[in-house]
Protein backbone atom coordinates (compact mmCIF):
# COMPACT_ATOMS: atom_id res chain seq x y z
CA UNK A 1 108.60 87.14 299.91
CA UNK A 2 108.77 90.71 301.18
CA UNK A 3 106.36 91.75 303.94
CA UNK A 4 106.15 95.22 305.43
CA UNK A 5 109.71 96.01 304.32
CA UNK A 6 110.91 99.44 303.23
CA UNK A 7 112.80 99.39 299.97
CA UNK A 8 113.72 101.48 296.96
CA UNK A 9 113.59 100.39 293.33
CA UNK A 10 116.18 102.22 291.20
CA UNK A 11 118.25 102.01 288.00
CA UNK A 12 115.30 101.49 285.70
CA UNK A 13 112.98 103.03 283.17
CA UNK A 14 109.54 104.02 284.40
CA UNK A 15 106.13 103.99 282.72
CA UNK A 16 103.87 105.50 285.34
CA UNK A 17 100.54 104.64 283.65
CA UNK A 18 99.81 108.22 282.65
CA UNK A 19 102.73 109.92 280.87
CA UNK A 20 103.24 109.00 277.21
CA UNK A 21 106.94 108.28 277.63
CA UNK A 22 109.38 106.31 279.72
CA UNK A 23 111.11 108.24 282.47
CA UNK A 24 114.75 107.68 283.32
CA UNK A 25 116.55 108.13 286.61
CA UNK A 26 113.54 107.65 288.86
CA UNK A 27 113.36 105.73 292.14
CA UNK A 28 110.19 104.24 293.55
CA UNK A 29 110.04 104.07 297.33
CA UNK A 30 107.80 101.39 298.85
CA UNK A 31 106.70 101.19 302.47
CA UNK A 32 104.42 98.33 303.42
CA UNK A 33 101.76 97.95 300.74
CA UNK A 34 102.03 101.45 299.24
CA UNK A 35 104.28 103.69 297.21
CA UNK A 36 105.53 106.38 299.56
CA UNK A 37 107.44 108.40 296.96
CA UNK A 38 108.60 108.62 293.36
CA UNK A 39 111.86 110.54 293.32
CA UNK A 40 114.80 111.41 291.13
CA UNK A 41 118.05 109.49 291.55
CA UNK A 42 118.95 106.34 293.42
CA UNK A 43 121.70 107.32 295.83
CA UNK A 44 121.52 104.93 298.78
CA UNK A 45 122.70 107.63 301.20
CA UNK A 46 119.40 109.41 300.64
CA UNK A 47 117.45 106.39 301.87
CA UNK A 48 118.97 105.19 305.16
CA UNK A 49 117.28 102.10 306.51
CA UNK A 50 115.80 101.14 303.14
CA UNK A 51 116.74 98.09 301.11
CA UNK A 52 118.05 99.25 297.74
CA UNK A 53 116.88 97.14 294.78
CA UNK A 54 118.88 97.56 291.59
CA UNK A 55 116.44 96.94 288.72
CA UNK A 56 119.34 96.63 286.24
CA UNK A 57 117.71 98.65 283.49
CA UNK A 58 114.33 96.92 283.46
CA UNK A 59 111.18 98.90 282.73
CA UNK A 60 108.78 99.33 285.65
CA UNK A 61 105.05 99.62 284.97
CA UNK A 62 101.87 99.59 287.06
CA UNK A 63 100.41 96.13 287.57
CA UNK A 64 98.17 95.20 284.65
CA UNK A 65 94.40 95.21 285.18
CA UNK A 66 92.04 92.85 283.37
CA UNK A 67 88.46 94.10 283.45
CA UNK A 68 86.84 90.96 282.05
CA UNK A 69 87.78 87.47 283.26
CA UNK A 70 86.14 84.30 284.59
CA UNK A 71 88.46 83.08 287.34
CA UNK A 72 86.40 80.11 288.56
CA UNK A 73 85.67 78.57 285.16
CA UNK A 74 87.91 75.47 284.97
CA UNK A 75 88.35 75.01 281.17
CA UNK A 76 85.93 72.09 281.16
CA UNK A 77 82.49 71.83 279.61
CA UNK A 78 81.82 68.15 280.31
CA UNK A 79 80.87 67.33 283.89
CA UNK A 80 82.99 64.23 284.48
CA UNK A 81 84.08 62.68 287.80
CA UNK A 82 87.64 63.76 287.01
CA UNK A 83 86.43 67.31 286.42
CA UNK A 84 85.22 67.55 290.02
CA UNK A 85 88.61 66.33 291.24
CA UNK A 86 90.55 68.84 289.14
CA UNK A 87 88.38 71.96 289.43
CA UNK A 88 89.98 73.39 292.59
CA UNK A 89 93.54 72.99 291.33
CA UNK A 90 92.59 74.47 287.97
CA UNK A 91 91.17 77.59 289.62
CA UNK A 92 94.39 77.88 291.66
CA UNK A 93 96.32 77.80 288.41
CA UNK A 94 94.08 80.51 286.94
CA UNK A 95 94.98 82.78 289.86
CA UNK A 96 98.70 81.95 289.71
CA UNK A 97 98.97 82.47 285.95
CA UNK A 98 97.47 85.95 286.31
CA UNK A 99 100.25 86.93 288.69
CA UNK A 100 102.93 85.30 286.54
CA UNK A 101 101.76 87.37 283.56
CA UNK A 102 101.69 90.64 285.51
CA UNK A 103 97.93 90.94 286.09
CA UNK A 104 97.46 92.19 289.65
CA UNK A 105 93.76 93.18 289.57
CA UNK A 106 90.79 91.65 287.75
CA UNK A 107 87.09 92.20 287.46
CA UNK A 108 85.40 88.81 287.25
CA UNK A 109 82.38 88.97 284.95
CA UNK A 110 80.68 85.69 285.83
CA UNK A 111 81.60 83.07 288.42
CA UNK A 112 80.41 80.29 290.66
CA UNK A 113 79.75 82.30 293.86
CA UNK A 114 80.90 79.84 296.49
CA UNK A 115 84.12 79.08 294.61
CA UNK A 116 84.70 82.77 294.00
CA UNK A 117 84.24 83.72 297.63
CA UNK A 118 86.55 80.92 298.77
CA UNK A 119 89.42 81.87 296.46
CA UNK A 120 88.91 85.61 296.81
CA UNK A 121 89.21 85.25 300.59
CA UNK A 122 92.34 83.10 300.25
CA UNK A 123 93.98 85.76 298.10
CA UNK A 124 92.97 88.59 300.42
CA UNK A 125 94.49 86.74 303.39
CA UNK A 126 97.72 86.18 301.50
CA UNK A 127 97.27 82.41 301.56
CA UNK A 128 97.14 82.10 297.77
CA UNK A 129 99.01 84.09 295.11
CA UNK A 130 96.57 85.84 292.82
CA UNK A 131 95.19 89.18 291.68
CA UNK A 132 92.75 91.18 293.77
CA UNK A 133 89.26 90.46 292.48
CA UNK A 134 86.18 92.56 291.94
CA UNK A 135 83.43 89.99 291.44
CA UNK A 136 79.95 89.88 289.95
CA UNK A 137 79.34 86.33 291.20
CA UNK A 138 76.67 84.69 289.00
CA UNK A 139 75.74 86.51 285.82
CA UNK A 140 72.04 87.32 285.38
CA UNK A 141 70.08 86.43 282.26
CA UNK A 142 66.72 85.19 281.04
CA UNK A 143 65.52 81.58 280.99
CA UNK A 144 66.84 80.08 277.73
CA UNK A 145 68.77 83.28 277.04
CA UNK A 146 72.47 83.90 276.45
CA UNK A 147 74.75 82.25 277.53
CA UNK A 148 72.73 79.57 275.72
CA UNK A 149 75.66 77.15 275.95
CA UNK A 150 75.60 77.17 279.77
CA UNK A 151 73.13 74.79 281.41
CA UNK A 152 71.13 75.51 284.54
CA UNK A 153 72.72 73.06 286.95
CA UNK A 154 70.71 70.59 289.02
CA UNK A 155 71.06 70.85 292.83
CA UNK A 156 73.84 68.24 293.07
CA UNK A 157 76.01 69.77 290.36
CA UNK A 158 75.29 73.24 291.73
CA UNK A 159 76.70 72.20 295.11
CA UNK A 160 79.77 70.57 293.56
CA UNK A 161 80.70 73.51 291.31
CA UNK A 162 79.82 76.20 293.86
CA UNK A 163 76.60 77.68 292.50
CA UNK A 164 75.13 78.69 289.16
CA UNK A 165 77.28 80.42 286.59
CA UNK A 166 74.14 82.18 285.31
CA UNK A 167 70.98 82.83 287.32
CA UNK A 168 67.83 83.03 285.18
CA UNK A 169 65.04 85.03 286.86
CA UNK A 170 61.71 85.48 285.05
CA UNK A 171 60.11 88.57 286.58
CA UNK A 172 61.09 91.97 288.03
CA UNK A 173 60.54 90.58 291.52
CA UNK A 174 62.77 87.59 290.85
CA UNK A 175 65.51 89.70 289.30
CA UNK A 176 65.58 91.97 292.36
CA UNK A 177 65.92 88.90 294.54
CA UNK A 178 68.85 87.61 292.47
CA UNK A 179 70.67 90.96 292.56
CA UNK A 180 70.31 91.03 296.36
CA UNK A 181 71.56 87.45 296.58
CA UNK A 182 74.67 88.23 294.53
CA UNK A 183 75.38 91.35 296.59
CA UNK A 184 74.89 89.42 299.83
CA UNK A 185 77.45 86.94 298.54
CA UNK A 186 79.97 89.72 298.01
CA UNK A 187 79.40 91.00 294.48
CA UNK A 188 81.21 94.25 293.65
CA UNK A 189 79.47 94.61 290.27
CA UNK A 190 76.34 93.15 288.66
CA UNK A 191 76.64 91.27 285.34
CA UNK A 192 73.72 91.01 282.91
CA UNK A 193 73.44 89.38 279.48
CA UNK A 194 71.62 91.12 276.64
CA UNK A 195 72.16 89.17 273.42
CA UNK A 196 69.04 88.86 271.27
CA UNK A 197 70.54 86.47 268.72
CA UNK A 198 72.84 83.53 269.38
CA UNK A 199 76.39 83.34 268.06
CA UNK A 200 76.20 79.55 268.28
CA UNK A 201 75.76 77.63 265.02
CA UNK A 202 72.18 76.77 264.02
CA UNK A 203 70.64 78.77 266.86
CA UNK A 204 68.47 81.77 266.26
CA UNK A 205 66.84 84.48 268.34
CA UNK A 206 67.28 84.54 272.10
CA UNK A 207 65.10 86.13 274.77
CA UNK A 208 66.39 89.21 276.62
CA UNK A 209 64.92 91.06 279.56
CA UNK A 210 61.96 93.28 278.77
CA UNK A 211 62.22 96.90 279.81
CA UNK A 212 60.37 96.46 283.11
CA UNK A 213 62.57 93.56 284.23
CA UNK A 214 65.76 95.24 283.05
CA UNK A 215 64.78 98.40 284.91
CA UNK A 216 64.23 96.33 288.05
CA UNK A 217 67.78 95.02 287.71
CA UNK A 218 69.16 98.52 287.28
CA UNK A 219 67.12 99.92 290.19
CA UNK A 220 68.14 97.08 292.50
CA UNK A 221 71.83 97.41 291.55
CA UNK A 222 71.67 101.15 292.21
CA UNK A 223 70.01 100.50 295.58
CA UNK A 224 73.05 98.49 296.68
CA UNK A 225 75.56 100.89 295.13
CA UNK A 226 76.68 98.50 292.40
CA UNK A 227 77.46 99.28 288.78
CA UNK A 228 76.31 97.03 285.94
CA UNK A 229 78.36 95.43 283.18
CA UNK A 230 76.52 94.01 280.19
CA UNK A 231 77.41 91.31 277.67
CA UNK A 232 76.28 92.10 274.12
CA UNK A 233 77.48 91.80 270.52
CA UNK A 234 74.69 93.23 268.33
CA UNK A 235 73.96 96.87 267.53
CA UNK A 236 70.27 96.76 268.47
CA UNK A 237 71.20 95.38 271.89
CA UNK A 238 73.76 98.16 272.39
CA UNK A 239 71.14 100.79 271.66
CA UNK A 240 68.79 99.11 274.14
CA UNK A 241 71.27 98.90 277.02
CA UNK A 242 72.44 102.49 276.50
CA UNK A 243 68.85 103.51 277.13
CA UNK A 244 68.81 101.35 280.28
CA UNK A 245 71.92 103.03 281.69
CA UNK A 246 74.41 100.19 282.08
CA UNK A 247 77.94 101.26 282.93
CA UNK A 248 80.14 99.02 280.77
CA UNK A 249 79.53 96.91 277.69
CA UNK A 250 81.45 93.69 277.17
CA UNK A 251 82.61 92.72 273.63
CA UNK A 252 82.65 94.93 270.58
CA UNK A 253 79.60 95.11 268.30
CA UNK A 254 79.89 92.54 265.49
CA UNK A 255 77.09 93.13 263.00
CA UNK A 256 77.11 96.81 261.95
CA UNK A 257 79.23 99.91 262.27
CA UNK A 258 77.94 101.85 265.26
CA UNK A 259 76.23 105.08 264.06
CA UNK A 260 77.69 108.37 265.21
CA UNK A 261 74.49 109.21 267.10
CA UNK A 262 74.73 106.02 269.16
CA UNK A 263 78.39 106.64 269.92
CA UNK A 264 77.59 110.21 270.99
CA UNK A 265 75.06 108.87 273.50
CA UNK A 266 77.55 106.25 274.73
CA UNK A 267 80.17 108.94 275.33
CA UNK A 268 77.66 111.35 276.85
CA UNK A 269 76.68 108.76 279.45
CA UNK A 270 80.37 108.10 280.28
CA UNK A 271 80.05 104.41 279.55
CA UNK A 272 83.03 102.16 278.84
CA UNK A 273 83.67 99.34 276.38
CA UNK A 274 85.82 96.26 276.88
CA UNK A 275 86.06 95.02 273.28
CA UNK A 276 87.74 91.63 274.03
CA UNK A 277 89.10 91.62 270.49
CA UNK A 278 91.20 88.46 270.82
CA UNK A 279 88.30 86.19 271.66
CA UNK A 280 86.25 87.79 268.87
CA UNK A 281 89.10 86.88 266.49
CA UNK A 282 88.32 83.16 266.56
CA UNK A 283 87.84 83.18 262.80
CA UNK A 284 91.61 83.69 262.58
CA UNK A 285 93.22 80.34 261.69
CA UNK A 286 96.66 81.61 262.78
CA UNK A 287 95.32 82.30 266.28
CA UNK A 288 93.91 78.76 266.47
CA UNK A 289 97.21 77.28 265.36
CA UNK A 290 99.16 79.43 267.81
CA UNK A 291 96.99 78.41 270.75
CA UNK A 292 96.87 74.76 269.68
CA UNK A 293 100.66 74.65 269.54
CA UNK A 294 100.84 76.29 272.95
CA UNK A 295 98.49 73.70 274.46
CA UNK A 296 100.49 70.79 273.09
CA UNK A 297 103.89 72.22 274.01
CA UNK A 298 103.23 73.48 277.53
CA UNK A 299 99.54 73.11 278.32
CA UNK A 300 100.31 71.22 281.52
CA UNK A 301 101.83 74.42 282.95
CA UNK A 302 98.46 76.22 283.00
CA UNK A 303 95.91 73.40 282.70
CA UNK A 304 95.11 70.50 285.02
CA UNK A 305 94.97 67.00 283.42
CA UNK A 306 91.20 66.91 282.85
CA UNK A 307 91.16 70.51 281.65
CA UNK A 308 94.01 69.73 279.28
CA UNK A 309 92.20 66.64 277.96
CA UNK A 310 88.99 68.56 277.29
CA UNK A 311 90.83 71.51 275.73
CA UNK A 312 92.69 69.19 273.35
CA UNK A 313 89.39 67.54 272.43
CA UNK A 314 87.92 71.00 271.84
CA UNK A 315 90.74 71.97 269.49
CA UNK A 316 90.39 68.65 267.68
CA UNK A 317 86.76 69.49 267.01
CA UNK A 318 87.60 72.73 265.24
CA UNK A 319 90.96 71.93 263.67
CA UNK A 320 91.07 68.25 262.82
CA UNK A 321 87.48 66.97 262.61
CA UNK A 322 84.68 67.84 260.20
CA UNK A 323 83.60 71.43 260.79
CA UNK A 324 81.02 72.79 260.46
CA UNK A 325 78.95 69.83 261.65
CA UNK A 326 75.58 68.77 260.33
CA UNK A 327 72.49 70.70 261.40
CA UNK A 328 71.36 67.67 263.40
CA UNK A 329 74.66 67.59 265.26
CA UNK A 330 74.47 71.37 265.80
CA UNK A 331 71.16 71.04 267.57
CA UNK A 332 72.52 68.37 269.92
CA UNK A 333 75.70 70.18 270.93
CA UNK A 334 76.89 73.77 270.81
CA UNK A 335 79.42 74.83 268.20
CA UNK A 336 80.94 78.28 267.85
CA UNK A 337 80.04 80.02 264.62
CA UNK A 338 83.54 80.47 263.22
CA UNK A 339 82.40 81.90 259.85
CA UNK A 340 80.37 84.56 261.69
CA UNK A 341 83.41 85.71 263.64
CA UNK A 342 85.67 85.62 260.59
CA UNK A 343 83.48 88.00 258.61
CA UNK A 344 82.52 90.12 261.63
CA UNK A 345 85.91 90.70 263.26
CA UNK A 346 86.84 93.68 261.04
CA UNK A 347 83.56 95.33 262.09
CA UNK A 348 84.36 94.72 265.77
CA UNK A 349 87.81 96.28 265.33
CA UNK A 350 86.42 99.29 263.50
CA UNK A 351 83.78 99.88 266.18
CA UNK A 352 86.29 99.76 269.04
CA UNK A 353 88.56 102.29 267.34
CA UNK A 354 85.68 104.52 266.26
CA UNK A 355 84.37 104.73 269.81
CA UNK A 356 87.86 105.47 271.11
CA UNK A 357 88.45 108.21 268.52
CA UNK A 358 85.12 109.80 269.50
CA UNK A 359 86.31 110.14 273.10
CA UNK A 360 84.66 107.04 274.49
CA UNK A 361 86.33 105.04 277.21
CA UNK A 362 87.82 101.75 276.02
CA UNK A 363 89.33 99.41 278.59
CA UNK A 364 91.19 96.13 278.41
CA UNK A 365 89.42 92.86 279.09
CA UNK A 366 90.44 89.44 277.80
CA UNK A 367 87.50 87.15 278.63
CA UNK A 368 90.09 84.75 280.03
CA UNK A 369 88.29 81.65 281.27
CA UNK A 370 85.30 82.48 279.08
CA UNK A 371 85.91 79.65 276.63
CA UNK A 372 88.16 76.63 276.21
CA UNK A 373 90.63 78.75 274.21
CA UNK A 374 90.63 81.83 276.51
CA UNK A 375 93.82 81.08 278.40
CA UNK A 376 94.91 83.26 281.31
CA UNK A 377 98.17 85.06 280.75
CA UNK A 378 98.26 84.30 277.04
CA UNK A 379 95.34 86.51 276.05
CA UNK A 380 96.52 89.72 277.71
CA UNK A 381 99.45 90.51 275.38
CA UNK A 382 97.34 89.24 272.48
CA UNK A 383 94.60 91.72 273.41
CA UNK A 384 97.07 94.62 273.54
CA UNK A 385 98.46 93.56 270.16
CA UNK A 386 94.99 93.61 268.61
CA UNK A 387 94.17 97.00 270.09
CA UNK A 388 97.38 98.35 268.59
CA UNK A 389 96.61 96.61 265.31
CA UNK A 390 93.21 98.31 265.35
CA UNK A 391 94.82 101.75 265.51
CA UNK A 392 95.52 102.43 269.20
CA UNK A 393 99.07 103.56 269.90
CA UNK A 394 101.21 101.48 272.26
CA UNK A 395 100.81 104.27 274.79
CA UNK A 396 97.01 104.32 274.46
CA UNK A 397 96.81 100.55 274.89
CA UNK A 398 99.09 100.53 277.94
CA UNK A 399 97.28 103.45 279.52
CA UNK A 400 93.98 101.62 278.98
CA UNK A 401 95.51 98.54 280.62
CA UNK A 402 96.55 100.46 283.72
CA UNK A 403 95.17 103.86 284.73
CA UNK A 404 92.29 103.65 282.25
CA UNK A 405 91.05 100.33 283.57
CA UNK A 406 91.46 101.55 287.14
CA UNK A 407 89.25 104.55 286.40
CA UNK A 408 86.55 102.34 284.88
CA UNK A 409 86.57 100.32 288.09
CA UNK A 410 86.47 103.49 290.24
CA UNK A 411 89.79 102.38 291.75
CA UNK A 412 92.08 105.03 290.25
CA UNK A 413 92.70 106.44 293.72
CA UNK A 414 94.38 103.14 294.66
CA UNK A 415 95.76 101.39 291.57
CA UNK A 416 96.61 101.91 287.92
CA UNK A 417 99.52 104.35 288.16
CA UNK A 418 102.84 104.70 289.93
CA UNK A 419 102.31 107.61 292.29
CA UNK A 420 102.73 108.44 295.92
CA UNK A 421 99.96 106.93 298.02
CA UNK A 422 98.94 104.27 295.48
CA UNK A 423 99.15 100.57 296.21
CA UNK A 424 102.52 99.14 295.21
CA UNK A 425 101.23 97.04 292.30
CA UNK A 426 104.22 96.96 289.97
CA UNK A 427 105.65 94.81 287.21
CA UNK A 428 109.01 94.83 285.47
CA UNK A 429 109.80 93.87 281.89
CA UNK A 430 112.90 93.99 279.72
CA UNK A 431 112.67 96.51 276.91
CA UNK A 432 110.41 99.38 275.96
CA UNK A 433 106.70 98.44 275.68
CA UNK A 434 105.94 101.84 274.15
CA UNK A 435 107.96 100.70 271.14
CA UNK A 436 107.47 96.92 271.25
CA UNK A 437 104.40 95.55 273.03
CA UNK A 438 105.81 92.02 272.74
CA UNK A 439 108.01 92.66 275.80
CA UNK A 440 104.86 92.38 277.94
CA UNK A 441 104.89 88.64 277.23
CA UNK A 442 107.86 88.12 279.55
CA UNK A 443 107.25 89.67 282.95
CA UNK A 444 110.37 89.46 285.11
CA UNK A 445 109.04 90.77 288.41
CA UNK A 446 105.64 91.28 290.02
CA UNK A 447 104.73 93.20 293.17
CA UNK A 448 101.18 93.28 294.46
CA UNK A 449 100.46 95.53 297.40
CA UNK A 450 104.19 95.72 298.12
CA UNK A 451 104.63 91.95 298.21
CA UNK A 452 107.04 90.37 295.76
CA UNK A 453 105.12 87.54 294.09
CA UNK A 454 107.47 86.89 291.15
CA UNK A 455 111.17 87.45 290.70
CA UNK A 456 113.85 88.20 293.25
CA UNK A 457 115.40 91.25 294.91
């Protein structure tokens, strides 16, 4: 592992995160944790005292950024004794898999605060391989609101899992208190849910914050200098949160094509969308089969034993048992509404592209960790593929994944492109991702802040 060493990467193709082409004959000079220069040529005599690293024709890109993950969710929905034993190791795997797949920065959009702070600190100290994390800590929602599949944990479970995944304040005063609590625990962003109708089978309308309470959340977030990301999937909720002034919306709208007037307001307010198209594509039987095969062939490489057991049980429910279940069974347990997603996915795709074509900002977020099929590492190339399938060019998707995501996070002065003065977050792949996005699936080398975390030099 390289620490504070001066070295030069050469003999490669370069995608710098901004230009719409690969550049040939460039050398990237790294000193400590930053890029000190991007120069032409790779003659060792020009760099005395530097270690020369022959990249052997690989393509160098900025480290990938995932703007919507759930790092501390352990791929378990049943609170079993074994789950408590496996949760820490599963979270470690979540962090490691991000690095292995080339993701060097994430924004976590809902976590267990104590677990998040523990692992975030470990990564920052260099004691654990993982991406740098911008956290929201617990998401904020209404009592009995979305996420309606997430329980409010009793005190014992809350201690064991490291806090609540979702805090559920009732009043403006309570919501201000929760925002302060999340900020005091290290939140970089604030996450709020605004979904007025469930996407769980046999469930109906859900409560959302009234205008006074929502405004209290926005005012309190602004007081502490934090931006707000908002989960939603319905058009009426999008119109509402635009009026409230949130900064990013999470998931593409499923029910109707977004009217031009609404998109104009979205763009005018400089908001950003993370469409999370892959996880909205759960009506796609080929995706289910692909992920199911992956779990059975090499699930142990990214899932702990109890996580793997529960994930296999989850897939059995949707692929090999009677689905959809009876209404009585629906009311006892939560079941994803697969038919809803199957008929709505084309609308979600159309809305993401329409917003992009209108000049709106569209970033890349996978929702990894957000469900028992949202696997870290696997979803990132799948998300890029779906963006390209929607009508984004390879270049537009890769720019969104790097410099575009960095700008959404207000971190474009530090990450997202390969330029002098930026942090040395770099990945290397074999082939040209501007022609074939599939090459992103096999990351050969990963640097984060100048440290080599995957591969060899």
